[in-house]
């Protein structure tokens, strides 16, 4: 049984070429690890196998080998798991967008819980506190933001889509991508056809020749509004005019952005709004949020509503806080939720555009009990924070918290800490540091915000176990 549809000749596999003949191993898999691979052993040699599931016997082709472990891909399934299903996408196993298209949804949830439990190994009692993963009602068409890249096939044809797994050059077409809505898929089809009709090339990552770079599509699931931005290395008035004409019925606002820097990630340097205001509005649990092409916002609106509602529930388990601190506040979704349960909320965010957006969102919702501080949480205690707070909610990026941040959070002696995590490994590391102080874990609740991928979000509730000693 082949676990995925083989790639067409025009999009060759980007993995490093192997000496001929390729190194194939027949292995029996044990478990899923963070990253979505199945762990297997060849004697004592560990192999992480793409596209394999636990308790399968597979023939794995090694594409990267180290001294004590290797990475491979299942090219033949000899004894399949009952959790394996036929993928519903022609690019499953090749595209970097999804990792679990060949897995039943119940098994995906089980794998994510198991990965989180294993990450917490070594923290006494933590594993027993992990709840079942809160499932998503929609496992397809759930993302409210997609950024697609332009590329060129081996035959020279323009393609618009997502990167092939492990490659920054090869692009797979996204006209059938099930992460987005049907309207978004239609936008991809129309923009691809438009670029081909006008003979506009894609930017070439190796040769650095000019051309189209990315297409961003954002959808507000609460209002139905849609934003489209095309990013190119040079301005093109004819293309801009056609873009508006071809997408007028599908987009509420359209912009054309320029990135003249041909090295590094594509980032807009200039932006021209062709239609609309350049922003859309999302509604999350009754709160309104203004979103532009660069705004960070949870990608799964429906699950974000459940996640933030649960943050408030955990935050008030032992009473309503007088003063709450929202760290890594972003554009303010958690702060806006905490405003309903706390007398005063202080949000801290270091990225200036996010601070600006958060202030706009507070005004949009007429919320007056939230203050914002522009500062880096992972450095020193930001100025303007009182000596004591009742609640701290942290929602750090994947690297987690610095030791300095944990130290000054502990000095504030909050009764309750809610840790919102997108990375089980850094969550476990940071929890160990918090538990060195007067805190204990009361709950660990995972959420599935990204069905058909290995990613898992989680909420951890920490409760102070002793009364702080007065220093007066």
Protein backbone atom coordinates (compact mmCIF):
# COMPACT_ATOMS: atom_id res chain seq x y z
CA UNK A 1 0.00 0.00 0.00
CA UNK A 2 1.46 3.30 -1.09
CA UNK A 3 0.80 5.91 1.65
CA UNK A 4 0.62 8.82 -0.77
CA UNK A 5 0.17 9.73 -4.39
CA UNK A 6 3.60 9.90 -6.08
CA UNK A 7 4.67 13.37 -7.26
CA UNK A 8 4.43 14.19 -10.97
CA UNK A 9 7.63 14.33 -13.00
CA UNK A 10 7.51 18.15 -13.13
CA UNK A 11 7.95 18.44 -9.36
CA UNK A 12 10.91 16.24 -8.40
CA UNK A 13 11.47 15.14 -4.81
CA UNK A 14 13.73 17.76 -3.16
CA UNK A 15 15.26 15.39 -0.62
CA UNK A 16 19.02 15.02 -0.92
CA UNK A 17 20.05 12.43 -3.51
CA UNK A 18 21.19 9.13 -2.05
CA UNK A 19 24.03 6.93 -3.21
CA UNK A 20 22.63 4.25 -5.45
CA UNK A 21 21.07 1.95 -4.51
CA UNK A 22 19.00 3.91 -1.94
CA UNK A 23 19.10 2.80 1.67
CA UNK A 24 15.82 1.07 2.48
CA UNK A 25 14.98 -0.43 5.86
CA UNK A 26 12.07 -2.61 6.89
CA UNK A 27 11.05 -1.49 10.38
CA UNK A 28 8.19 -1.85 12.84
CA UNK A 29 6.98 1.48 14.23
CA UNK A 30 6.28 2.17 17.90
CA UNK A 31 4.71 5.59 18.43
CA UNK A 32 4.15 9.06 16.99
CA UNK A 33 6.57 11.80 18.05
CA UNK A 34 6.16 15.58 17.94
CA UNK A 35 6.58 16.42 14.29
CA UNK A 36 4.20 13.72 13.07
CA UNK A 37 6.76 11.00 12.34
CA UNK A 38 6.52 7.46 13.64
CA UNK A 39 9.47 6.26 15.72
CA UNK A 40 10.98 2.90 14.76
CA UNK A 41 14.18 1.05 15.57
CA UNK A 42 16.56 -0.99 13.49
CA UNK A 43 18.29 -2.86 16.29
CA UNK A 44 19.29 0.14 18.47
CA UNK A 45 19.33 2.59 15.59
CA UNK A 46 16.35 5.02 15.76
CA UNK A 47 14.50 5.92 12.56
CA UNK A 48 11.87 8.67 12.36
CA UNK A 49 9.53 7.70 9.53
CA UNK A 50 7.33 10.15 7.61
CA UNK A 51 3.85 8.96 6.62
CA UNK A 52 3.91 5.96 8.97
CA UNK A 53 1.65 5.24 11.95
CA UNK A 54 2.26 3.39 15.23
CA UNK A 55 2.29 -0.42 15.10
CA UNK A 56 2.92 -0.66 11.37
CA UNK A 57 5.55 -2.55 9.45
CA UNK A 58 6.86 -0.36 6.66
CA UNK A 59 9.68 -0.17 4.18
CA UNK A 60 11.33 3.19 4.84
CA UNK A 61 13.65 4.97 2.45
CA UNK A 62 16.29 6.92 4.36
CA UNK A 63 16.82 10.49 3.19
CA UNK A 64 18.88 11.84 6.08
CA UNK A 65 21.23 9.85 8.30
CA UNK A 66 23.09 10.79 11.46
CA UNK A 67 25.32 8.72 13.72
CA UNK A 68 22.57 7.43 16.02
CA UNK A 69 19.37 8.16 14.15
CA UNK A 70 17.95 8.78 10.70
CA UNK A 71 14.94 10.22 8.91
CA UNK A 72 13.07 8.20 6.33
CA UNK A 73 9.83 8.03 4.40
CA UNK A 74 7.44 5.10 4.24
CA UNK A 75 7.48 4.00 0.61
CA UNK A 76 5.57 0.77 1.25
CA UNK A 77 3.24 -0.26 4.06
CA UNK A 78 3.60 -4.00 4.66
CA UNK A 79 1.31 -4.25 7.68
CA UNK A 80 -1.08 -1.29 8.03
CA UNK A 81 -2.60 0.17 11.18
CA UNK A 82 -6.41 0.17 11.44
CA UNK A 83 -6.09 3.94 11.92
CA UNK A 84 -4.81 4.36 8.36
CA UNK A 85 -7.20 5.73 5.74
CA UNK A 86 -6.91 6.67 2.09
CA UNK A 87 -5.79 10.32 1.84
CA UNK A 88 -8.39 12.74 0.47
CA UNK A 89 -5.80 15.02 -1.18
CA UNK A 90 -3.65 14.16 -4.22
CA UNK A 91 -0.63 15.82 -2.58
CA UNK A 92 -0.87 14.04 0.79
CA UNK A 93 2.57 12.97 1.98
CA UNK A 94 4.31 15.44 -0.35
CA UNK A 95 2.85 18.79 0.71
CA UNK A 96 4.17 20.49 3.83
CA UNK A 97 0.74 21.83 4.77
CA UNK A 98 -0.64 18.62 6.30
CA UNK A 99 0.91 15.63 8.03
CA UNK A 100 -2.13 13.49 8.95
CA UNK A 101 -4.20 13.15 5.78
CA UNK A 102 -3.75 9.37 6.00
CA UNK A 103 -5.06 9.10 9.59
CA UNK A 104 -8.57 8.88 11.07
CA UNK A 105 -9.53 11.95 13.06
CA UNK A 106 -10.00 10.03 16.31
CA UNK A 107 -6.46 8.70 15.95
CA UNK A 108 -5.12 12.20 15.29
CA UNK A 109 -6.60 13.38 18.59
CA UNK A 110 -5.13 10.38 20.38
CA UNK A 111 -1.68 10.99 18.90
CA UNK A 112 -1.74 14.64 19.96
CA UNK A 113 -2.69 13.76 23.52
CA UNK A 114 0.02 11.09 23.65
CA UNK A 115 2.67 13.55 22.41
CA UNK A 116 1.66 16.09 25.05
CA UNK A 117 1.71 13.45 27.80
CA UNK A 118 5.15 12.27 26.75
CA UNK A 119 6.48 15.84 26.74
CA UNK A 120 5.36 16.16 30.39
CA UNK A 121 7.20 13.00 31.41
CA UNK A 122 9.28 13.73 34.49
CA UNK A 123 6.84 16.25 35.96
CA UNK A 124 5.18 14.44 38.87
CA UNK A 125 1.46 14.05 38.35
CA UNK A 126 1.26 16.18 35.21
CA UNK A 127 0.59 13.29 32.84
CA UNK A 128 -2.50 12.23 34.83
CA UNK A 129 -3.95 15.74 34.52
CA UNK A 130 -3.99 15.84 30.71
CA UNK A 131 -7.57 15.90 29.41
CA UNK A 132 -8.73 14.52 26.10
CA UNK A 133 -8.09 16.87 23.20
CA UNK A 134 -10.97 19.22 22.47
CA UNK A 135 -11.83 18.28 18.87
CA UNK A 136 -12.63 20.63 16.03
CA UNK A 137 -16.10 20.48 14.55
CA UNK A 138 -14.67 21.12 11.07
CA UNK A 139 -11.49 19.27 10.10
CA UNK A 140 -11.40 20.73 6.58
CA UNK A 141 -11.79 24.29 5.27
CA UNK A 142 -11.06 25.70 8.73
CA UNK A 143 -8.13 28.07 8.23
CA UNK A 144 -8.97 31.78 8.09
CA UNK A 145 -5.55 32.70 6.69
CA UNK A 146 -3.42 31.11 4.00
CA UNK A 147 -0.21 32.41 2.42
CA UNK A 148 0.55 30.74 -0.91
CA UNK A 149 3.84 30.93 -2.80
CA UNK A 150 4.46 31.22 -6.52
CA UNK A 151 6.92 28.85 -8.13
CA UNK A 152 7.93 27.25 -11.40
CA UNK A 153 7.68 23.57 -12.26
CA UNK A 154 10.48 21.58 -13.84
CA UNK A 155 8.71 22.15 -17.18
CA UNK A 156 8.68 25.93 -16.70
CA UNK A 157 5.01 26.35 -15.84
CA UNK A 158 3.91 28.82 -13.16
CA UNK A 159 2.36 27.23 -10.07
CA UNK A 160 0.71 28.78 -6.99
CA UNK A 161 0.43 26.81 -3.78
CA UNK A 162 2.30 25.38 -0.82
CA UNK A 163 5.87 24.21 -0.42
CA UNK A 164 6.70 20.58 -0.93
CA UNK A 165 7.69 19.06 2.39
CA UNK A 166 11.33 19.86 3.17
CA UNK A 167 11.81 22.22 0.22
CA UNK A 168 11.94 26.00 -0.10
CA UNK A 169 11.88 25.84 -3.92
CA UNK A 170 9.32 23.28 -5.07
CA UNK A 171 5.68 24.39 -4.93
CA UNK A 172 2.61 22.14 -5.13
CA UNK A 173 -0.62 23.62 -6.53
CA UNK A 174 -3.22 24.65 -3.92
CA UNK A 175 -6.33 24.71 -6.11
CA UNK A 176 -7.59 21.63 -4.23
CA UNK A 177 -6.11 22.42 -0.79
CA UNK A 178 -8.60 21.38 1.91
CA UNK A 179 -7.19 23.66 4.62
CA UNK A 180 -8.94 26.67 3.08
CA UNK A 181 -12.50 27.42 1.97
CA UNK A 182 -13.87 26.79 -1.50
CA UNK A 183 -13.91 30.55 -2.10
CA UNK A 184 -10.21 30.67 -1.26
CA UNK A 185 -9.51 27.77 -3.62
CA UNK A 186 -11.35 29.66 -6.38
CA UNK A 187 -9.20 32.75 -5.74
CA UNK A 188 -6.09 30.59 -6.15
CA UNK A 189 -7.43 29.23 -9.45
CA UNK A 190 -8.27 32.68 -10.80
CA UNK A 191 -4.96 34.28 -9.80
CA UNK A 192 -3.03 31.36 -11.29
CA UNK A 193 -4.97 31.66 -14.56
CA UNK A 194 -4.50 35.44 -14.60
CA UNK A 195 -0.72 35.23 -14.13
CA UNK A 196 -0.44 32.63 -16.89
CA UNK A 197 -2.67 34.62 -19.25
CA UNK A 198 -0.59 37.78 -18.75
CA UNK A 199 2.69 35.87 -18.95
CA UNK A 200 3.91 37.08 -15.55
CA UNK A 201 6.58 34.77 -14.10
CA UNK A 202 7.10 33.62 -10.55
CA UNK A 203 10.07 34.89 -8.56
CA UNK A 204 12.87 32.31 -8.72
CA UNK A 205 14.38 31.54 -5.31
CA UNK A 206 17.71 30.39 -6.76
CA UNK A 207 18.23 32.68 -9.74
CA UNK A 208 16.59 35.65 -7.95
CA UNK A 209 14.83 36.66 -11.17
CA UNK A 210 11.89 39.06 -10.63
CA UNK A 211 8.29 37.98 -10.48
CA UNK A 212 5.32 37.12 -8.29
CA UNK A 213 6.10 35.97 -4.74
CA UNK A 214 3.06 35.29 -2.55
CA UNK A 215 -0.72 35.47 -2.40
CA UNK A 216 -2.30 36.06 1.02
CA UNK A 217 -5.97 35.26 1.60
CA UNK A 218 -7.68 36.09 4.89
CA UNK A 219 -11.30 35.31 5.71
CA UNK A 220 -13.34 36.59 8.64
CA UNK A 221 -15.55 33.65 9.49
CA UNK A 222 -17.77 35.76 11.75
CA UNK A 223 -18.58 38.42 9.13
CA UNK A 224 -17.87 36.65 5.84
CA UNK A 225 -15.44 39.37 4.76
CA UNK A 226 -12.41 38.41 2.68
CA UNK A 227 -9.01 40.07 2.09
CA UNK A 228 -6.56 39.33 -0.74
CA UNK A 229 -3.01 40.62 -1.14
CA UNK A 230 -0.65 39.91 -4.03
CA UNK A 231 3.08 40.37 -3.36
CA UNK A 232 5.50 40.93 -6.25
CA UNK A 233 9.01 42.22 -6.83
CA UNK A 234 7.77 45.04 -9.09
CA UNK A 235 4.68 47.16 -9.67
CA UNK A 236 2.33 46.32 -12.53
CA UNK A 237 -0.68 48.59 -13.09
CA UNK A 238 -2.26 46.28 -15.66
CA UNK A 239 -2.00 43.30 -13.33
CA UNK A 240 -3.43 45.34 -10.44
CA UNK A 241 -6.43 46.39 -12.53
CA UNK A 242 -7.09 42.84 -13.69
CA UNK A 243 -6.73 41.53 -10.14
CA UNK A 244 -9.57 43.77 -8.98
CA UNK A 245 -11.74 42.88 -11.96
CA UNK A 246 -11.19 39.12 -11.65
CA UNK A 247 -11.65 38.94 -7.86
CA UNK A 248 -14.31 41.62 -7.35
CA UNK A 249 -17.04 39.12 -6.41
CA UNK A 250 -14.78 37.19 -3.99
CA UNK A 251 -12.82 39.84 -2.10
CA UNK A 252 -14.00 42.77 0.05
CA UNK A 253 -10.55 44.34 0.04
CA UNK A 254 -7.60 43.82 -2.31
CA UNK A 255 -4.05 45.15 -2.07
CA UNK A 256 -0.87 44.95 -4.16
CA UNK A 257 2.38 44.83 -2.22
CA UNK A 258 6.01 45.20 -3.29
CA UNK A 259 9.08 43.35 -2.01
CA UNK A 260 12.17 44.55 -3.87
CA UNK A 261 14.57 42.70 -1.54
CA UNK A 262 15.25 39.42 -3.31
CA UNK A 263 17.06 37.82 -0.38
CA UNK A 264 15.36 36.42 2.69
CA UNK A 265 11.66 35.92 3.39
CA UNK A 266 9.19 37.93 1.29
CA UNK A 267 8.00 40.91 3.33
CA UNK A 268 5.96 43.85 2.00
CA UNK A 269 7.89 47.12 1.75
CA UNK A 270 5.12 49.12 0.10
CA UNK A 271 1.40 48.44 -0.12
CA UNK A 272 -1.26 49.89 -2.43
CA UNK A 273 -4.91 49.29 -1.53
CA UNK A 274 -6.80 48.58 -4.75
CA UNK A 275 -10.25 47.93 -3.28
CA UNK A 276 -11.85 48.43 0.13
CA UNK A 277 -10.16 49.67 3.28
CA UNK A 278 -7.25 47.23 3.45
CA UNK A 279 -8.76 45.55 6.52
CA UNK A 280 -11.55 43.15 7.40
CA UNK A 281 -13.41 42.59 10.67
CA UNK A 282 -13.65 39.29 12.50
CA UNK A 283 -16.02 38.48 15.37
CA UNK A 284 -14.81 36.22 18.16
CA UNK A 285 -17.19 35.44 21.04
CA UNK A 286 -19.01 38.68 20.32
CA UNK A 287 -15.82 40.78 20.24
CA UNK A 288 -14.78 42.57 17.06
CA UNK A 289 -11.25 42.51 15.68
CA UNK A 290 -9.82 44.50 12.78
CA UNK A 291 -7.43 42.44 10.66
CA UNK A 292 -4.99 43.54 7.97
CA UNK A 293 -2.64 41.38 5.85
CA UNK A 294 0.06 41.34 8.58
CA UNK A 295 -2.08 40.98 11.70
CA UNK A 296 -1.40 37.90 13.82
CA UNK A 297 -4.68 36.17 14.63
CA UNK A 298 -5.54 32.59 15.52
CA UNK A 299 -5.97 30.70 12.22
CA UNK A 300 -8.98 28.64 13.33
CA UNK A 301 -11.75 31.02 14.36
CA UNK A 302 -14.17 28.41 15.72
CA UNK A 303 -11.57 26.68 17.88
CA UNK A 304 -10.09 30.00 19.02
CA UNK A 305 -13.52 30.91 20.41
CA UNK A 306 -13.52 27.73 22.48
CA UNK A 307 -9.91 28.21 23.57
CA UNK A 308 -10.36 31.80 24.78
CA UNK A 309 -13.64 30.97 26.51
CA UNK A 310 -11.82 28.23 28.38
CA UNK A 311 -9.03 30.65 29.35
CA UNK A 312 -11.65 32.76 31.12
CA UNK A 313 -13.18 29.70 32.79
CA UNK A 314 -9.83 28.53 34.16
CA UNK A 315 -8.90 32.08 35.18
CA UNK A 316 -11.99 32.34 37.38
CA UNK A 317 -11.94 28.84 38.85
CA UNK A 318 -10.86 30.27 42.22
CA UNK A 319 -12.59 33.63 42.00
CA UNK A 320 -12.55 36.72 39.80
CA UNK A 321 -9.16 38.46 39.59
CA UNK A 322 -8.81 42.13 40.44
CA UNK A 323 -5.70 42.62 38.28
CA UNK A 324 -4.85 40.36 35.33
CA UNK A 325 -1.72 40.34 33.19
CA UNK A 326 -1.80 39.21 29.55
CA UNK A 327 1.74 38.50 28.34
CA UNK A 328 2.53 38.25 24.61
CA UNK A 329 -0.78 40.01 24.10
CA UNK A 330 -0.51 40.30 20.31
CA UNK A 331 -3.51 42.16 18.92
CA UNK A 332 -5.40 41.68 22.19
CA UNK A 333 -7.76 38.69 21.87
CA UNK A 334 -7.00 37.32 25.35
CA UNK A 335 -6.94 40.79 26.95
CA UNK A 336 -10.33 41.58 25.44
CA UNK A 337 -11.72 38.35 26.90
CA UNK A 338 -10.13 38.96 30.31
CA UNK A 339 -11.69 42.43 30.39
CA UNK A 340 -15.05 40.76 31.12
CA UNK A 341 -13.80 38.98 34.26
CA UNK A 342 -11.12 41.26 35.76
CA UNK A 343 -11.32 44.76 37.18
CA UNK A 344 -8.11 45.72 35.41
CA UNK A 345 -6.13 44.03 32.63
CA UNK A 346 -2.59 44.88 31.54
CA UNK A 347 -1.45 43.57 28.18
CA UNK A 348 2.25 43.40 27.28
CA UNK A 349 3.40 43.07 23.66
CA UNK A 350 6.73 43.92 22.00
CA UNK A 351 5.75 44.13 18.29
CA UNK A 352 4.69 47.76 17.62
CA UNK A 353 2.14 46.97 14.84
CA UNK A 354 0.43 44.48 17.17
CA UNK A 355 0.31 47.04 19.98
CA UNK A 356 -1.28 49.52 17.58
CA UNK A 357 -3.80 46.92 16.41
CA UNK A 358 -4.63 45.96 20.01
CA UNK A 359 -5.38 49.59 20.87
CA UNK A 360 -7.65 49.83 17.83
CA UNK A 361 -9.46 46.66 18.87
CA UNK A 362 -10.01 48.01 22.38
CA UNK A 363 -11.53 51.16 20.93
CA UNK A 364 -13.59 49.13 18.48
CA UNK A 365 -15.15 47.26 21.40
CA UNK A 366 -15.37 50.29 23.74
CA UNK A 367 -13.30 48.50 26.40
CA UNK A 368 -11.79 50.84 28.97
CA UNK A 369 -10.32 48.57 31.66
CA UNK A 370 -7.35 47.32 29.59
CA UNK A 371 -3.95 49.05 29.52
CA UNK A 372 -1.25 48.16 27.00
CA UNK A 373 2.52 48.22 27.51
CA UNK A 374 5.01 47.91 24.64
CA UNK A 375 7.83 45.78 26.04
CA UNK A 376 9.66 42.48 25.61
CA UNK A 377 8.30 39.97 28.12
CA UNK A 378 11.37 37.75 27.86
CA UNK A 379 13.75 40.45 29.05
CA UNK A 380 13.18 42.41 32.25
CA UNK A 381 10.01 43.23 34.18
CA UNK A 382 8.24 45.81 32.01
CA UNK A 383 7.72 49.23 33.60
CA UNK A 384 4.20 50.04 34.73
CA UNK A 385 3.32 46.61 36.15
CA UNK A 386 2.26 46.61 39.82
CA UNK A 387 4.13 44.65 42.47
CA UNK A 388 1.35 42.06 42.70
CA UNK A 389 -1.24 40.71 40.25
CA UNK A 390 -3.92 38.07 40.78
CA UNK A 391 -3.76 36.39 37.38
CA UNK A 392 -1.12 35.95 34.68
CA UNK A 393 -1.97 34.54 31.26
CA UNK A 394 1.01 33.78 29.03
CA UNK A 395 0.73 32.90 25.34
CA UNK A 396 4.35 32.77 24.14
CA UNK A 397 5.63 31.82 20.68
CA UNK A 398 7.14 28.39 20.10
CA UNK A 399 10.44 29.11 21.95
CA UNK A 400 8.46 29.65 25.16
CA UNK A 401 9.46 31.79 28.13
CA UNK A 402 12.93 32.91 29.13
CA UNK A 403 14.19 32.10 32.66
CA UNK A 404 14.15 35.86 33.33
CA UNK A 405 10.45 36.07 32.47
CA UNK A 406 9.56 33.19 34.79
CA UNK A 407 11.58 34.80 37.59
CA UNK A 408 9.76 38.14 37.43
CA UNK A 409 6.37 36.46 36.97
CA UNK A 410 6.97 34.53 40.19
CA UNK A 411 7.89 37.77 41.97
CA UNK A 412 4.41 39.12 41.16
CA UNK A 413 2.98 36.21 43.23
CA UNK A 414 -0.14 35.67 41.10
CA UNK A 415 -2.74 33.34 42.56
CA UNK A 416 -3.30 31.78 39.14
CA UNK A 417 -1.22 31.31 35.99
CA UNK A 418 -2.74 30.11 32.72
CA UNK A 419 -0.13 29.02 30.18
CA UNK A 420 -1.32 28.88 26.56
CA UNK A 421 1.15 26.74 24.62
CA UNK A 422 1.71 25.74 20.99
CA UNK A 423 4.83 23.68 21.73
CA UNK A 424 4.74 20.72 24.16
CA UNK A 425 8.54 20.67 24.56
CA UNK A 426 8.94 24.28 25.69
CA UNK A 427 5.78 24.02 27.78
CA UNK A 428 7.31 21.13 29.75
CA UNK A 429 10.57 23.02 30.22
CA UNK A 430 8.80 26.15 31.48
CA UNK A 431 6.46 24.23 33.79
CA UNK A 432 9.43 22.67 35.53
CA UNK A 433 10.74 26.16 36.25
CA UNK A 434 7.39 27.36 37.59
CA UNK A 435 7.12 24.28 39.82
CA UNK A 436 10.42 25.23 41.47
CA UNK A 437 8.41 28.08 42.98
CA UNK A 438 5.20 27.89 45.00
CA UNK A 439 3.01 26.55 42.14
CA UNK A 440 1.24 23.29 41.31
CA UNK A 441 -0.46 22.13 38.13
CA UNK A 442 -4.24 21.79 38.38
CA UNK A 443 -5.21 21.06 34.77
CA UNK A 444 -3.75 20.47 31.31
CA UNK A 445 -6.28 20.84 28.51
CA UNK A 446 -5.23 20.31 24.87
CA UNK A 447 -7.16 21.77 21.91
CA UNK A 448 -7.02 20.81 18.25
CA UNK A 449 -6.71 24.07 16.36
CA UNK A 450 -5.01 22.45 13.35
CA UNK A 451 -6.74 19.23 12.22
CA UNK A 452 -4.79 17.00 9.84
CA UNK A 453 -1.50 18.36 11.18
CA UNK A 454 0.61 17.29 14.16
CA UNK A 455 0.25 20.66 15.95
CA UNK A 456 -1.50 20.82 19.31
CA UNK A 457 -2.39 23.82 21.50
CA UNK A 458 -2.89 23.45 25.23
CA UNK A 459 -3.98 25.33 28.33
CA UNK A 460 -2.23 24.63 31.63
CA UNK A 461 -3.63 25.95 34.90
CA UNK A 462 -1.10 26.65 37.66
CA UNK A 463 -2.24 27.51 41.19
CA UNK A 464 -0.12 29.08 43.92
CA UNK A 465 0.31 26.64 46.81
CA UNK A 466 1.58 28.95 49.56
CA UNK A 467 1.11 32.48 50.78
CA UNK A 468 3.99 34.80 49.83
CA UNK A 469 6.13 36.02 52.68
CA UNK A 470 5.86 39.76 53.32
CA UNK A 471 9.06 41.72 52.72
CA UNK A 472 7.88 44.78 54.67
